[in-house]
Amino acid sequence: MKKTIKVFKHPITEVFVMVFISVVIPAHIKKEYLLDAVNSALNQTLSRDKYEIIVIKNFPDYDEYLSNSGVIAINTNKKTGGEKIIEALKISRGEIISFLDYDDIFLPHKLEMVYKIFSNDDKVGYYRNRLLYFRDGDNIHSIIKNIKYTKKIIRIKNEEKEAKFKLMMENSAYINNSTISLRKDILLRFIENNPHKYRNIIDNINFYISLMSNYDVVLDPNVLTLYRVSKNNFTFGNSSYGINDFQEWVRRKINYLEMVIDGLYLLTDIVKNNYIYLKYDIYPRLTFYKCLSSLLPTKIDKKYKLHFRDLKYANKKKTPLFLFCLTLNYAPASIKRLFAMKAYKSEVKVAENLIGHEQ
């Protein structure tokens, strides 16, 4: 028997809202962890008649296993995560889209919580839970066993978004797609008008298009996602984690920074000159990534370099750092190389220190 969840009472009638969830798992070339992600989505406490799983990938592996497990598999030549998601949306049946990167893990009650949040209130458009970093090779079952769900969720009404924006930033509201669920109509409205812009930093895009909608935001300070730290992970694969060649690190870092900076420029268009969102997040990050670009001992397009005009967006506490980066723009490659090498070595420590931490 299906159980309906009561949303609210009316003096005369009672209204019930049921939702269906589409879990979208994009994968590109790197496939060694895909089945871990898929199995975590299959082994949920939520009944399977309340959600579907769509895997969209550019390799034929695992098709038989996925089909036998009731998972929809799409093979595509699309390259970016955003392009793959657009393809998955075309066949998705859910009103709610929950994202899962191919190398991350859902906790067993993740989708039950997503279902409860969106079924209980049709004003909620965006939901984000916390994640826990784990090292490739760690005992996943042991990690999950020790996670407790005890913290109270944070509800931010549409009219409170600007006033509580700093609170959202403190709770890492846009970090990692595998923590994010949102209503499909928010996505479709953006994609219909911007089909070629939904490509990279899609966790950021998902958050900001939700902010610009009329829906409420729910932030869950409890861990429901495990984030794998490995050399094949996109974020850490573009850091020095697991990379022993400095020149290879520089090459990857340039590609990564250009992608992120392009994405942040897109966010400036999405928020439509909203002073709060620009001042307290987008502009400072844009300036920071341009600063990092200045460290690299190679030629880079001026679009991605730090300029004096960018200083007006910088956090005052970081102004000395940005002035230093501006100076490096004109430094010889040998000097840049020294500072880039320090950054290269420090990134391994940063990645290692994240293990076991929440965000």
Protein backbone atom coordinates (compact mmCIF):
# COMPACT_ATOMS: atom_id res chain seq x y z
CA MET A 1 0.00 0.00 0.00
CA LYS A 2 1.35 3.40 -0.95
CA LYS A 3 1.61 5.89 1.85
CA THR A 4 0.73 9.51 1.08
CA ILE A 5 2.26 12.36 3.05
CA LYS A 6 -0.03 15.08 4.27
CA VAL A 7 1.17 18.53 3.29
CA PHE A 8 -1.28 20.94 4.83
CA LYS A 9 -4.89 21.22 5.97
CA HIS A 10 -7.57 23.40 4.45
CA PRO A 11 -10.77 24.33 6.40
CA ILE A 12 -12.79 22.22 3.96
CA THR A 13 -10.44 19.81 2.19
CA GLU A 14 -7.08 18.14 2.77
CA VAL A 15 -4.41 18.36 0.09
CA PHE A 16 -1.86 15.64 -0.55
CA VAL A 17 1.21 15.96 -2.73
CA MET A 18 3.14 12.97 -4.06
CA VAL A 19 6.45 13.36 -5.87
CA PHE A 20 8.63 11.14 -8.00
CA ILE A 21 12.43 11.42 -7.94
CA SER A 22 14.84 10.98 -10.84
CA VAL A 23 18.40 10.20 -9.74
CA VAL A 24 20.78 11.31 -12.51
CA ILE A 25 24.31 9.84 -12.58
CA PRO A 26 26.59 11.25 -15.31
CA ALA A 27 29.89 9.49 -16.03
CA HIS A 28 32.63 10.31 -18.54
CA ILE A 29 35.49 7.92 -19.35
CA LYS A 30 36.38 7.36 -15.68
CA LYS A 31 34.22 4.41 -14.72
CA GLU A 32 35.90 2.43 -11.97
CA TYR A 33 33.58 3.69 -9.20
CA LEU A 34 30.33 3.88 -11.15
CA LEU A 35 28.79 0.73 -9.74
CA ASP A 36 29.51 1.90 -6.18
CA ALA A 37 27.44 5.01 -6.91
CA VAL A 38 24.67 3.06 -8.65
CA ASN A 39 24.41 0.48 -5.87
CA SER A 40 24.19 3.22 -3.25
CA ALA A 41 21.21 4.62 -5.16
CA LEU A 42 19.65 1.18 -5.50
CA ASN A 43 20.04 0.31 -1.81
CA GLN A 44 17.82 3.06 -0.41
CA THR A 45 15.24 2.90 2.34
CA LEU A 46 12.82 4.68 0.00
CA SER A 47 10.60 2.34 -2.00
CA ARG A 48 11.75 1.84 -5.61
CA ASP A 49 8.34 2.83 -6.95
CA LYS A 50 9.05 6.38 -5.80
CA TYR A 51 12.23 6.97 -7.80
CA GLU A 52 14.15 6.04 -10.94
CA ILE A 53 17.88 5.94 -11.65
CA ILE A 54 19.30 7.24 -14.92
CA VAL A 55 22.96 6.64 -15.74
CA ILE A 56 24.27 8.61 -18.71
CA LYS A 57 27.76 7.76 -19.91
CA ASN A 58 30.05 7.64 -22.93
CA PHE A 59 31.15 4.00 -22.62
CA PRO A 60 29.20 0.73 -23.09
CA ASP A 61 30.34 -1.01 -19.91
CA TYR A 62 27.83 -2.29 -17.34
CA ASP A 63 24.77 -1.99 -19.61
CA GLU A 64 23.56 -5.52 -18.83
CA TYR A 65 24.01 -5.10 -15.08
CA LEU A 66 22.25 -1.73 -15.11
CA SER A 67 19.34 -3.07 -17.15
CA ASN A 68 18.93 -6.11 -14.89
CA SER A 69 18.94 -3.78 -11.88
CA GLY A 70 16.14 -1.62 -13.26
CA VAL A 71 18.47 1.28 -14.04
CA ILE A 72 18.02 3.33 -17.21
CA ALA A 73 21.33 3.50 -19.10
CA ILE A 74 22.01 6.04 -21.82
CA ASN A 75 25.16 5.98 -23.93
CA THR A 76 26.05 9.35 -25.42
CA ASN A 77 28.91 11.23 -27.06
CA LYS A 78 28.21 14.33 -24.97
CA LYS A 79 31.30 15.40 -23.03
CA THR A 80 30.40 17.79 -20.24
CA GLY A 81 28.42 16.88 -17.16
CA GLY A 82 25.81 19.50 -17.96
CA GLU A 83 25.25 18.21 -21.48
CA LYS A 84 24.77 14.70 -20.14
CA ILE A 85 22.26 15.91 -17.57
CA ILE A 86 20.24 17.67 -20.28
CA GLU A 87 20.03 14.37 -22.17
CA ALA A 88 18.88 12.57 -19.02
CA LEU A 89 16.22 15.20 -18.31
CA LYS A 90 14.62 14.50 -21.68
CA ILE A 91 13.54 11.04 -20.52
CA SER A 92 13.26 11.64 -16.78
CA ARG A 93 9.86 11.16 -15.15
CA GLY A 94 10.59 12.83 -11.83
CA GLU A 95 9.43 16.22 -10.66
CA ILE A 96 12.51 16.17 -8.42
CA ILE A 97 16.05 15.69 -9.76
CA SER A 98 18.71 14.31 -7.40
CA PHE A 99 22.25 14.31 -8.74
CA LEU A 100 24.93 11.74 -7.99
CA ASP A 101 28.45 11.94 -9.41
CA TYR A 102 29.80 8.60 -10.62
CA ASP A 103 32.37 8.36 -7.80
CA ASP A 104 30.26 9.53 -4.85
CA ILE A 105 27.97 7.58 -2.53
CA PHE A 106 24.43 8.15 -1.23
CA LEU A 107 23.73 7.14 2.36
CA PRO A 108 20.85 4.60 2.54
CA HIS A 109 18.22 7.10 3.73
CA LYS A 110 19.24 9.97 1.44
CA LEU A 111 16.34 9.64 -1.01
CA GLU A 112 13.84 9.04 1.79
CA MET A 113 14.83 12.44 3.15
CA VAL A 114 14.61 14.06 -0.29
CA TYR A 115 11.16 12.54 -0.75
CA LYS A 116 10.00 13.78 2.64
CA ILE A 117 11.30 17.32 2.08
CA PHE A 118 9.66 17.83 -1.31
CA SER A 119 6.45 15.91 -0.58
CA ASN A 120 5.82 17.79 2.61
CA ASP A 121 5.98 21.23 1.03
CA ASP A 122 5.46 22.25 -2.59
CA LYS A 123 7.12 25.60 -1.89
CA VAL A 124 10.54 23.98 -1.51
CA GLY A 125 12.59 24.13 -4.71
CA TYR A 126 16.13 23.33 -3.59
CA TYR A 127 17.52 20.92 -1.00
CA ARG A 128 21.15 20.40 -0.07
CA ASN A 129 22.61 17.98 2.50
CA ARG A 130 26.12 17.91 3.91
CA LEU A 131 28.84 15.58 2.67
CA LEU A 132 31.68 13.67 4.27
CA TYR A 133 35.04 13.31 2.52
CA PHE A 134 36.47 9.81 2.40
CA ARG A 135 39.62 8.35 0.91
CA ASP A 136 39.54 5.89 -1.95
CA GLY A 137 39.87 2.46 -0.32
CA ASP A 138 38.25 3.39 3.00
CA ASN A 139 35.63 1.02 4.45
CA ILE A 140 32.39 2.63 3.28
CA HIS A 141 30.13 0.48 5.45
CA SER A 142 32.08 1.41 8.56
CA ILE A 143 31.91 5.12 7.69
CA ILE A 144 28.14 5.00 7.13
CA LYS A 145 27.58 3.09 10.37
CA ASN A 146 29.21 5.87 12.38
CA ILE A 147 27.21 8.74 10.84
CA LYS A 148 24.32 10.03 12.93
CA TYR A 149 21.35 12.05 11.68
CA THR A 150 20.61 14.40 14.58
CA LYS A 151 20.79 18.03 13.40
CA LYS A 152 17.84 20.25 12.60
CA ILE A 153 17.35 21.32 8.99
CA ILE A 154 17.42 24.98 7.98
CA ARG A 155 14.48 26.38 6.00
CA ILE A 156 15.00 29.64 4.10
CA LYS A 157 11.89 31.18 2.62
CA ASN A 158 11.99 32.85 -0.77
CA GLU A 159 11.68 36.33 0.71
CA GLU A 160 14.56 35.60 3.15
CA LYS A 161 17.17 34.53 0.60
CA GLU A 162 19.14 37.77 0.48
CA ALA A 163 18.93 38.39 4.22
CA LYS A 164 20.15 34.85 4.97
CA PHE A 165 22.62 34.53 2.12
CA LYS A 166 25.63 34.51 4.45
CA LEU A 167 24.01 31.68 6.39
CA MET A 168 23.71 29.72 3.15
CA MET A 169 27.38 30.35 2.38
CA GLU A 170 28.36 29.18 5.87
CA ASN A 171 26.50 25.95 5.14
CA SER A 172 28.24 25.37 1.78
CA ALA A 173 24.92 25.64 -0.03
CA TYR A 174 26.31 25.01 -3.54
CA ILE A 175 29.15 22.57 -2.85
CA ASN A 176 29.06 19.31 -4.85
CA ASN A 177 26.27 18.16 -7.13
CA SER A 178 25.85 14.87 -5.24
CA THR A 179 24.41 16.81 -2.31
CA ILE A 180 21.82 18.69 -4.39
CA SER A 181 18.18 17.96 -5.25
CA LEU A 182 15.87 20.45 -6.93
CA ARG A 183 12.61 20.71 -8.81
CA LYS A 184 12.92 19.87 -12.48
CA ASP A 185 10.92 22.91 -13.57
CA ILE A 186 13.68 25.18 -12.20
CA LEU A 187 16.20 23.39 -14.40
CA LEU A 188 13.99 23.33 -17.48
CA ARG A 189 13.27 27.07 -17.37
CA PHE A 190 17.00 27.80 -17.37
CA ILE A 191 17.97 25.18 -19.94
CA GLU A 192 15.27 26.18 -22.40
CA ASN A 193 16.72 29.69 -22.54
CA ASN A 194 20.37 28.72 -22.11
CA PRO A 195 20.90 25.24 -23.62
CA HIS A 196 24.59 25.86 -24.34
CA LYS A 197 25.43 27.39 -20.96
CA TYR A 198 24.54 24.42 -18.74
CA ARG A 199 27.90 22.66 -19.07
CA ASN A 200 30.31 23.12 -16.16
CA ILE A 201 30.24 24.07 -12.45
CA ILE A 202 26.66 22.83 -12.57
CA ASP A 203 26.39 22.61 -8.79
CA ASN A 204 26.86 26.39 -8.70
CA ILE A 205 24.37 26.91 -11.51
CA ASN A 206 21.79 24.67 -9.82
CA PHE A 207 22.08 26.69 -6.64
CA TYR A 208 21.86 30.12 -8.22
CA ILE A 209 18.98 29.37 -10.59
CA SER A 210 17.14 28.08 -7.52
CA LEU A 211 17.93 31.30 -5.67
CA MET A 212 16.51 33.29 -8.55
CA SER A 213 13.31 31.21 -8.54
CA ASN A 214 10.37 31.83 -6.22
CA TYR A 215 10.93 28.59 -4.32
CA ASP A 216 12.26 28.16 -0.79
CA VAL A 217 15.66 26.63 0.04
CA VAL A 218 16.25 23.84 2.56
CA LEU A 219 19.73 23.14 3.91
CA ASP A 220 20.29 19.92 5.81
CA PRO A 221 23.34 19.99 8.14
CA ASN A 222 23.34 16.19 8.30
CA VAL A 223 25.62 14.02 6.16
CA LEU A 224 23.76 12.08 3.46
CA THR A 225 26.51 11.98 0.81
CA LEU A 226 30.03 10.57 0.79
CA TYR A 227 32.54 12.40 -1.40
CA ARG A 228 35.44 10.32 -2.66
CA VAL A 229 38.88 11.92 -2.62
CA SER A 230 40.99 10.27 -5.31
CA LYS A 231 43.31 11.23 -8.15
CA ASN A 232 40.50 10.40 -10.58
CA ASN A 233 38.00 12.68 -8.89
CA PHE A 234 37.32 15.77 -11.01
CA THR A 235 38.21 18.35 -8.36
CA PHE A 236 41.24 16.54 -6.97
CA GLY A 237 42.21 15.27 -10.40
CA ASN A 238 42.80 18.91 -11.24
CA SER A 239 44.84 19.46 -8.10
CA SER A 240 48.22 17.92 -7.33
CA TYR A 241 46.56 15.03 -5.50
CA GLY A 242 47.94 11.88 -7.13
CA ILE A 243 49.87 13.78 -9.82
CA ASN A 244 53.65 13.41 -9.73
CA ASP A 245 54.47 15.56 -12.75
CA PHE A 246 54.53 19.31 -12.22
CA GLN A 247 53.99 20.18 -15.90
CA GLU A 248 50.97 17.90 -16.03
CA TRP A 249 49.60 19.65 -12.96
CA VAL A 250 50.07 23.06 -14.65
CA ARG A 251 48.26 21.86 -17.76
CA ARG A 252 45.31 20.51 -15.77
CA LYS A 253 45.20 23.54 -13.52
CA ILE A 254 44.94 25.94 -16.46
CA ASN A 255 42.03 23.99 -17.93
CA TYR A 256 40.34 23.83 -14.54
CA LEU A 257 40.75 27.52 -13.76
CA GLU A 258 39.53 28.61 -17.18
CA MET A 259 36.45 26.43 -16.80
CA VAL A 260 35.67 27.77 -13.31
CA ILE A 261 36.23 31.41 -14.27
CA ASP A 262 33.98 31.03 -17.32
CA GLY A 263 31.37 29.49 -15.04
CA LEU A 264 31.58 32.34 -12.56
CA TYR A 265 31.11 34.87 -15.37
CA LEU A 266 27.95 32.94 -16.26
CA LEU A 267 26.75 33.23 -12.66
CA THR A 268 27.04 37.02 -12.89
CA ASP A 269 24.49 36.84 -15.72
CA ILE A 270 22.20 34.48 -13.82
CA VAL A 271 21.90 36.64 -10.71
CA LYS A 272 21.06 39.76 -12.76
CA ASN A 273 23.12 42.33 -10.84
CA ASN A 274 21.96 41.08 -7.44
CA TYR A 275 24.36 43.00 -5.20
CA ILE A 276 24.27 40.53 -2.29
CA TYR A 277 25.05 37.44 -4.34
CA LEU A 278 27.75 39.19 -6.33
CA LYS A 279 29.47 40.91 -3.42
CA TYR A 280 29.49 38.06 -0.93
CA ASP A 281 30.27 35.14 -3.20
CA ILE A 282 30.64 35.40 -6.97
CA TYR A 283 32.99 38.38 -7.30
CA PRO A 284 35.34 37.32 -4.46
CA ARG A 285 35.64 33.84 -5.96
CA LEU A 286 36.17 35.24 -9.43
CA THR A 287 38.99 37.40 -8.11
CA PHE A 288 40.50 34.51 -6.18
CA TYR A 289 40.62 32.16 -9.19
CA LYS A 290 42.11 34.89 -11.35
CA CYS A 291 44.72 35.30 -8.65
CA LEU A 292 45.56 31.60 -8.88
CA SER A 293 45.87 31.93 -12.66
CA SER A 294 48.56 34.55 -12.13
CA LEU A 295 50.71 31.99 -10.32
CA LEU A 296 51.00 29.64 -13.27
CA PRO A 297 54.26 29.82 -15.25
CA THR A 298 52.63 29.81 -18.66
CA LYS A 299 50.75 32.08 -21.04
CA ILE A 300 47.08 32.54 -20.30
CA ASP A 301 44.35 34.59 -21.95
CA LYS A 302 43.87 38.04 -20.38
CA LYS A 303 40.25 37.13 -19.67
CA TYR A 304 41.52 34.81 -16.94
CA LYS A 305 44.15 37.16 -15.51
CA LEU A 306 43.76 39.41 -12.52
CA HIS A 307 43.36 43.13 -13.29
CA PHE A 308 43.42 46.23 -11.11
CA ARG A 309 39.67 46.67 -11.61
CA ASP A 310 39.13 43.30 -9.92
CA LEU A 311 40.46 44.64 -6.62
CA LYS A 312 37.20 46.43 -5.89
CA TYR A 313 35.59 42.99 -5.54
CA ALA A 314 38.28 41.57 -3.28
CA ASN A 315 37.89 40.86 0.41
CA LYS A 316 39.84 43.63 2.16
CA LYS A 317 41.72 41.07 4.25
CA LYS A 318 43.01 39.49 1.03
CA THR A 319 43.98 42.72 -0.74
CA PRO A 320 47.73 42.17 -0.08
CA LEU A 321 47.46 38.71 -1.66
CA PHE A 322 45.73 40.08 -4.75
CA LEU A 323 48.29 42.87 -5.11
CA PHE A 324 50.97 40.20 -4.98
CA CYS A 325 49.16 38.25 -7.72
CA LEU A 326 48.91 41.38 -9.84
CA THR A 327 52.66 41.80 -9.54
CA LEU A 328 53.18 38.18 -10.61
CA ASN A 329 51.35 38.92 -13.86
CA TYR A 330 54.46 40.78 -14.95
CA ALA A 331 57.02 38.45 -13.36
CA PRO A 332 59.23 36.15 -15.46
CA ALA A 333 58.20 32.51 -15.78
CA SER A 334 61.08 31.40 -13.53
CA ILE A 335 59.69 33.40 -10.62
CA LYS A 336 56.13 32.20 -11.24
CA ARG A 337 57.41 28.65 -11.32
CA LEU A 338 58.76 28.95 -7.76
CA PHE A 339 55.41 30.02 -6.36
CA ALA A 340 53.47 27.56 -8.50
CA MET A 341 55.65 24.74 -7.20
CA LYS A 342 54.76 25.70 -3.63
CA ALA A 343 51.07 25.62 -4.52
CA TYR A 344 51.55 22.25 -6.21
CA LYS A 345 53.11 20.74 -3.09
CA SER A 346 50.60 22.27 -0.66
CA GLU A 347 47.55 20.89 -2.48
CA VAL A 348 48.34 17.32 -1.51
CA LYS A 349 48.26 18.30 2.17
CA VAL A 350 44.95 20.13 1.69
CA ALA A 351 43.35 17.05 0.11
CA GLU A 352 44.64 14.73 2.82
CA ASN A 353 43.38 17.05 5.57
CA LEU A 354 39.84 16.90 4.15
CA ILE A 355 39.52 13.17 4.83
CA GLY A 356 36.86 12.60 7.50
CA HIS A 357 35.67 16.22 7.45
CA GLU A 358 32.18 17.41 6.60
CA GLN A 359 31.13 20.21 4.30
